[in-house]
Amino acid sequence: MSDNTVYVIDGRRYARNGEIVEHNVHVYSSYQNLIAAFKPFLEVSNKEVHMNGKNEMLQVRIYDPSNQFLTKYKFDIYEKKIDNFFPSTTEHI
């Protein structure tokens, strides 16, 4: 992380009725790690994947084998610069 850039995923999983049933935020130190985090979702069969590059948003809809909707994941992706990872008031051990 030499350039102090991190990648943040704000992920939500939705039930059939549209209710958010899971919400997680993950931080990755490299773009390669960010891409690797999505690999399990992209390898699932019976899915639809939608990407909106302008908003850095990815949606994955997963269906069961009979093509019935099971769940939807929505991921907002952010690239953030960290100016001072260890402020002077923080003791690094």
N, C-alpha and C. Protein backbone atom coordinates (compact mmCIF):
# COMPACT_ATOMS: atom_id res chain seq x y z
N MET A 1 0.83 -1.17 0.00
CA MET A 1 0.00 0.00 0.00
C MET A 1 0.88 1.24 0.00
N SER A 2 1.85 1.29 -0.85
CA SER A 2 2.82 2.37 -0.86
C SER A 2 2.21 3.71 -1.24
N ASP A 3 1.14 3.71 -2.03
CA ASP A 3 0.54 4.99 -2.43
C ASP A 3 -0.63 5.38 -1.54
N ASN A 4 -0.84 4.66 -0.43
CA ASN A 4 -1.89 4.97 0.54
C ASN A 4 -3.28 4.94 -0.06
N THR A 5 -3.52 4.05 -1.01
CA THR A 5 -4.84 3.89 -1.60
C THR A 5 -5.47 2.61 -1.09
N VAL A 6 -6.72 2.70 -0.66
CA VAL A 6 -7.47 1.51 -0.27
C VAL A 6 -8.76 1.47 -1.09
N TYR A 7 -9.33 0.28 -1.19
CA TYR A 7 -10.57 0.07 -1.93
C TYR A 7 -11.62 -0.44 -0.96
N VAL A 8 -12.75 0.22 -0.94
CA VAL A 8 -13.82 -0.07 0.02
C VAL A 8 -15.02 -0.64 -0.73
N ILE A 9 -15.53 -1.75 -0.23
CA ILE A 9 -16.77 -2.33 -0.76
C ILE A 9 -17.84 -2.19 0.32
N ASP A 10 -18.93 -1.53 -0.04
CA ASP A 10 -20.11 -1.44 0.82
C ASP A 10 -21.13 -2.39 0.22
N GLY A 11 -21.29 -3.56 0.83
CA GLY A 11 -22.13 -4.61 0.25
C GLY A 11 -23.40 -4.84 1.03
N ARG A 12 -24.49 -5.07 0.29
CA ARG A 12 -25.78 -5.36 0.90
C ARG A 12 -26.39 -6.57 0.20
N ARG A 13 -27.04 -7.43 1.00
CA ARG A 13 -27.78 -8.56 0.45
C ARG A 13 -29.25 -8.35 0.74
N TYR A 14 -30.07 -8.57 -0.28
CA TYR A 14 -31.50 -8.30 -0.19
C TYR A 14 -32.30 -9.60 -0.23
N ALA A 15 -33.41 -9.62 0.51
CA ALA A 15 -34.36 -10.73 0.44
C ALA A 15 -35.28 -10.53 -0.76
N ARG A 16 -36.13 -11.50 -1.02
CA ARG A 16 -37.07 -11.41 -2.14
C ARG A 16 -37.96 -10.18 -2.03
N ASN A 17 -38.32 -9.79 -0.81
CA ASN A 17 -39.22 -8.64 -0.63
C ASN A 17 -38.49 -7.30 -0.69
N GLY A 18 -37.19 -7.30 -0.96
CA GLY A 18 -36.42 -6.07 -1.08
C GLY A 18 -35.79 -5.59 0.22
N GLU A 19 -36.04 -6.29 1.31
CA GLU A 19 -35.48 -5.92 2.61
C GLU A 19 -33.99 -6.27 2.65
N ILE A 20 -33.18 -5.36 3.22
CA ILE A 20 -31.76 -5.64 3.42
C ILE A 20 -31.62 -6.64 4.56
N VAL A 21 -31.03 -7.80 4.28
CA VAL A 21 -30.86 -8.83 5.31
C VAL A 21 -29.42 -8.96 5.77
N GLU A 22 -28.50 -8.32 5.06
CA GLU A 22 -27.09 -8.34 5.45
C GLU A 22 -26.42 -7.10 4.88
N HIS A 23 -25.55 -6.46 5.68
CA HIS A 23 -24.85 -5.25 5.24
C HIS A 23 -23.43 -5.31 5.81
N ASN A 24 -22.44 -5.27 4.92
CA ASN A 24 -21.04 -5.36 5.33
C ASN A 24 -20.20 -4.33 4.59
N VAL A 25 -19.14 -3.89 5.24
CA VAL A 25 -18.16 -3.01 4.62
C VAL A 25 -16.80 -3.70 4.75
N HIS A 26 -16.09 -3.81 3.62
CA HIS A 26 -14.76 -4.43 3.61
C HIS A 26 -13.78 -3.47 2.96
N VAL A 27 -12.55 -3.47 3.46
CA VAL A 27 -11.48 -2.61 2.94
C VAL A 27 -10.36 -3.51 2.42
N TYR A 28 -9.89 -3.20 1.20
CA TYR A 28 -8.83 -3.98 0.55
C TYR A 28 -7.66 -3.06 0.23
N SER A 29 -6.46 -3.60 0.37
CA SER A 29 -5.25 -2.79 0.17
C SER A 29 -4.80 -2.73 -1.28
N SER A 30 -5.37 -3.55 -2.14
CA SER A 30 -4.96 -3.51 -3.55
C SER A 30 -6.16 -3.81 -4.44
N TYR A 31 -6.07 -3.35 -5.67
CA TYR A 31 -7.13 -3.60 -6.63
C TYR A 31 -7.25 -5.09 -6.92
N GLN A 32 -6.13 -5.82 -6.92
CA GLN A 32 -6.15 -7.26 -7.16
C GLN A 32 -6.95 -7.97 -6.07
N ASN A 33 -6.78 -7.55 -4.81
CA ASN A 33 -7.54 -8.15 -3.72
C ASN A 33 -9.03 -7.84 -3.84
N LEU A 34 -9.34 -6.65 -4.32
CA LEU A 34 -10.74 -6.26 -4.55
C LEU A 34 -11.37 -7.18 -5.59
N ILE A 35 -10.68 -7.40 -6.70
CA ILE A 35 -11.19 -8.27 -7.76
C ILE A 35 -11.35 -9.70 -7.24
N ALA A 36 -10.39 -10.17 -6.46
CA ALA A 36 -10.46 -11.53 -5.90
C ALA A 36 -11.67 -11.70 -4.98
N ALA A 37 -12.08 -10.63 -4.32
CA ALA A 37 -13.24 -10.71 -3.43
C ALA A 37 -14.52 -11.02 -4.20
N PHE A 38 -14.59 -10.61 -5.46
CA PHE A 38 -15.79 -10.85 -6.27
C PHE A 38 -15.79 -12.20 -6.98
N LYS A 39 -14.66 -12.88 -6.98
CA LYS A 39 -14.55 -14.13 -7.73
C LYS A 39 -15.64 -15.15 -7.37
N PRO A 40 -15.95 -15.39 -6.08
CA PRO A 40 -17.00 -16.36 -5.77
C PRO A 40 -18.36 -15.99 -6.36
N PHE A 41 -18.67 -14.71 -6.41
CA PHE A 41 -19.95 -14.28 -6.97
C PHE A 41 -19.99 -14.49 -8.49
N LEU A 42 -18.87 -14.28 -9.13
CA LEU A 42 -18.83 -14.40 -10.59
C LEU A 42 -18.79 -15.85 -11.06
N GLU A 43 -18.40 -16.77 -10.17
CA GLU A 43 -18.34 -18.19 -10.53
C GLU A 43 -19.66 -18.92 -10.28
N VAL A 44 -20.61 -18.28 -9.61
CA VAL A 44 -21.90 -18.91 -9.32
C VAL A 44 -22.69 -19.06 -10.62
N SER A 45 -23.30 -20.22 -10.81
CA SER A 45 -24.19 -20.37 -11.97
C SER A 45 -25.55 -19.76 -11.62
N ASN A 46 -26.41 -19.61 -12.61
CA ASN A 46 -27.75 -19.06 -12.41
C ASN A 46 -27.71 -17.66 -11.79
N LYS A 47 -27.02 -16.75 -12.47
CA LYS A 47 -26.90 -15.39 -11.94
C LYS A 47 -27.04 -14.38 -13.06
N GLU A 48 -27.35 -13.15 -12.68
CA GLU A 48 -27.28 -11.98 -13.57
C GLU A 48 -26.30 -11.02 -12.92
N VAL A 49 -25.45 -10.40 -13.72
CA VAL A 49 -24.50 -9.42 -13.20
C VAL A 49 -24.72 -8.11 -13.95
N HIS A 50 -24.85 -7.03 -13.20
CA HIS A 50 -25.03 -5.70 -13.78
C HIS A 50 -23.99 -4.77 -13.18
N MET A 51 -23.33 -3.98 -14.02
CA MET A 51 -22.30 -3.05 -13.54
C MET A 51 -22.63 -1.66 -14.04
N ASN A 52 -22.56 -0.70 -13.16
CA ASN A 52 -22.75 0.70 -13.51
C ASN A 52 -21.45 1.41 -13.18
N GLY A 53 -20.59 1.60 -14.16
CA GLY A 53 -19.28 2.18 -13.94
C GLY A 53 -19.31 3.58 -13.40
N LYS A 54 -20.33 4.36 -13.77
CA LYS A 54 -20.39 5.76 -13.33
C LYS A 54 -20.51 5.85 -11.81
N ASN A 55 -21.32 4.97 -11.22
CA ASN A 55 -21.52 4.98 -9.77
C ASN A 55 -20.66 3.94 -9.06
N GLU A 56 -19.80 3.26 -9.81
CA GLU A 56 -18.95 2.21 -9.25
C GLU A 56 -19.79 1.20 -8.48
N MET A 57 -20.86 0.73 -9.09
CA MET A 57 -21.79 -0.17 -8.44
C MET A 57 -21.91 -1.46 -9.23
N LEU A 58 -21.96 -2.57 -8.50
CA LEU A 58 -22.11 -3.89 -9.10
C LEU A 58 -23.30 -4.58 -8.44
N GLN A 59 -24.18 -5.17 -9.25
CA GLN A 59 -25.30 -5.95 -8.71
C GLN A 59 -25.19 -7.37 -9.23
N VAL A 60 -25.42 -8.33 -8.34
CA VAL A 60 -25.45 -9.74 -8.71
C VAL A 60 -26.77 -10.30 -8.22
N ARG A 61 -27.58 -10.81 -9.14
CA ARG A 61 -28.84 -11.47 -8.78
C ARG A 61 -28.64 -12.98 -8.95
N ILE A 62 -28.98 -13.74 -7.91
CA ILE A 62 -28.77 -15.18 -7.93
C ILE A 62 -30.12 -15.89 -7.94
N TYR A 63 -30.22 -16.90 -8.82
CA TYR A 63 -31.44 -17.68 -8.98
C TYR A 63 -31.17 -19.13 -8.63
N ASP A 64 -32.21 -19.86 -8.24
CA ASP A 64 -32.04 -21.29 -8.02
C ASP A 64 -32.12 -22.00 -9.38
N PRO A 65 -31.84 -23.31 -9.44
CA PRO A 65 -31.82 -24.01 -10.73
C PRO A 65 -33.14 -23.93 -11.52
N SER A 66 -34.27 -23.72 -10.84
CA SER A 66 -35.55 -23.60 -11.57
C SER A 66 -35.81 -22.16 -12.00
N ASN A 67 -34.78 -21.31 -11.92
CA ASN A 67 -34.84 -19.92 -12.38
C ASN A 67 -35.73 -19.04 -11.51
N GLN A 68 -35.89 -19.41 -10.24
CA GLN A 68 -36.63 -18.57 -9.29
C GLN A 68 -35.63 -17.66 -8.58
N PHE A 69 -36.00 -16.38 -8.43
CA PHE A 69 -35.12 -15.42 -7.78
C PHE A 69 -34.89 -15.82 -6.33
N LEU A 70 -33.63 -15.85 -5.91
CA LEU A 70 -33.28 -16.16 -4.52
C LEU A 70 -32.87 -14.92 -3.75
N THR A 71 -31.88 -14.20 -4.25
CA THR A 71 -31.36 -13.05 -3.51
C THR A 71 -30.64 -12.12 -4.46
N LYS A 72 -30.43 -10.89 -4.01
CA LYS A 72 -29.68 -9.90 -4.80
C LYS A 72 -28.60 -9.31 -3.90
N TYR A 73 -27.42 -9.14 -4.46
CA TYR A 73 -26.32 -8.45 -3.79
C TYR A 73 -26.08 -7.15 -4.53
N LYS A 74 -25.84 -6.09 -3.79
CA LYS A 74 -25.49 -4.80 -4.39
C LYS A 74 -24.22 -4.32 -3.71
N PHE A 75 -23.23 -3.96 -4.52
CA PHE A 75 -21.93 -3.53 -4.00
C PHE A 75 -21.61 -2.14 -4.51
N ASP A 76 -21.37 -1.21 -3.61
CA ASP A 76 -20.84 0.09 -3.98
C ASP A 76 -19.34 0.03 -3.73
N ILE A 77 -18.55 0.49 -4.69
CA ILE A 77 -17.10 0.36 -4.64
C ILE A 77 -16.48 1.75 -4.63
N TYR A 78 -15.59 1.99 -3.67
CA TYR A 78 -14.95 3.30 -3.54
C TYR A 78 -13.44 3.13 -3.50
N GLU A 79 -12.74 4.06 -4.10
CA GLU A 79 -11.28 4.14 -3.99
C GLU A 79 -10.99 5.34 -3.10
N LYS A 80 -10.24 5.11 -2.02
CA LYS A 80 -9.96 6.18 -1.06
C LYS A 80 -8.46 6.33 -0.86
N LYS A 81 -8.02 7.57 -0.75
CA LYS A 81 -6.64 7.87 -0.39
C LYS A 81 -6.58 8.09 1.11
N ILE A 82 -5.58 7.53 1.75
CA ILE A 82 -5.37 7.74 3.17
C ILE A 82 -4.14 8.61 3.31
N ASP A 83 -4.34 9.83 3.77
CA ASP A 83 -3.23 10.78 3.87
C ASP A 83 -2.30 10.48 5.02
N ASN A 84 -2.86 10.06 6.14
CA ASN A 84 -2.03 9.84 7.32
C ASN A 84 -2.53 8.58 8.01
N PHE A 85 -1.99 7.44 7.61
CA PHE A 85 -2.47 6.16 8.12
C PHE A 85 -2.20 6.02 9.62
N PHE A 86 -1.05 6.49 10.08
CA PHE A 86 -0.72 6.46 11.50
C PHE A 86 -0.48 7.88 11.98
N PRO A 87 -1.52 8.56 12.47
CA PRO A 87 -1.35 9.94 12.96
C PRO A 87 -0.34 9.98 14.11
N SER A 88 0.21 11.14 14.36
CA SER A 88 1.24 11.28 15.40
C SER A 88 0.69 10.96 16.79
N THR A 89 -0.62 11.04 16.98
CA THR A 89 -1.20 10.72 18.29
C THR A 89 -1.43 9.22 18.47
N THR A 90 -1.17 8.45 17.43
CA THR A 90 -1.36 7.00 17.50
C THR A 90 -0.02 6.32 17.71
N GLU A 91 0.03 5.45 18.69
CA GLU A 91 1.26 4.71 18.94
C GLU A 91 1.21 3.40 18.15
N HIS A 92 2.17 3.22 17.27
CA HIS A 92 2.24 1.99 16.48
C HIS A 92 3.08 0.97 17.22
N ILE A 93 2.52 -0.18 17.52
CA ILE A 93 3.23 -1.20 18.31
C ILE A 93 3.77 -2.27 17.39
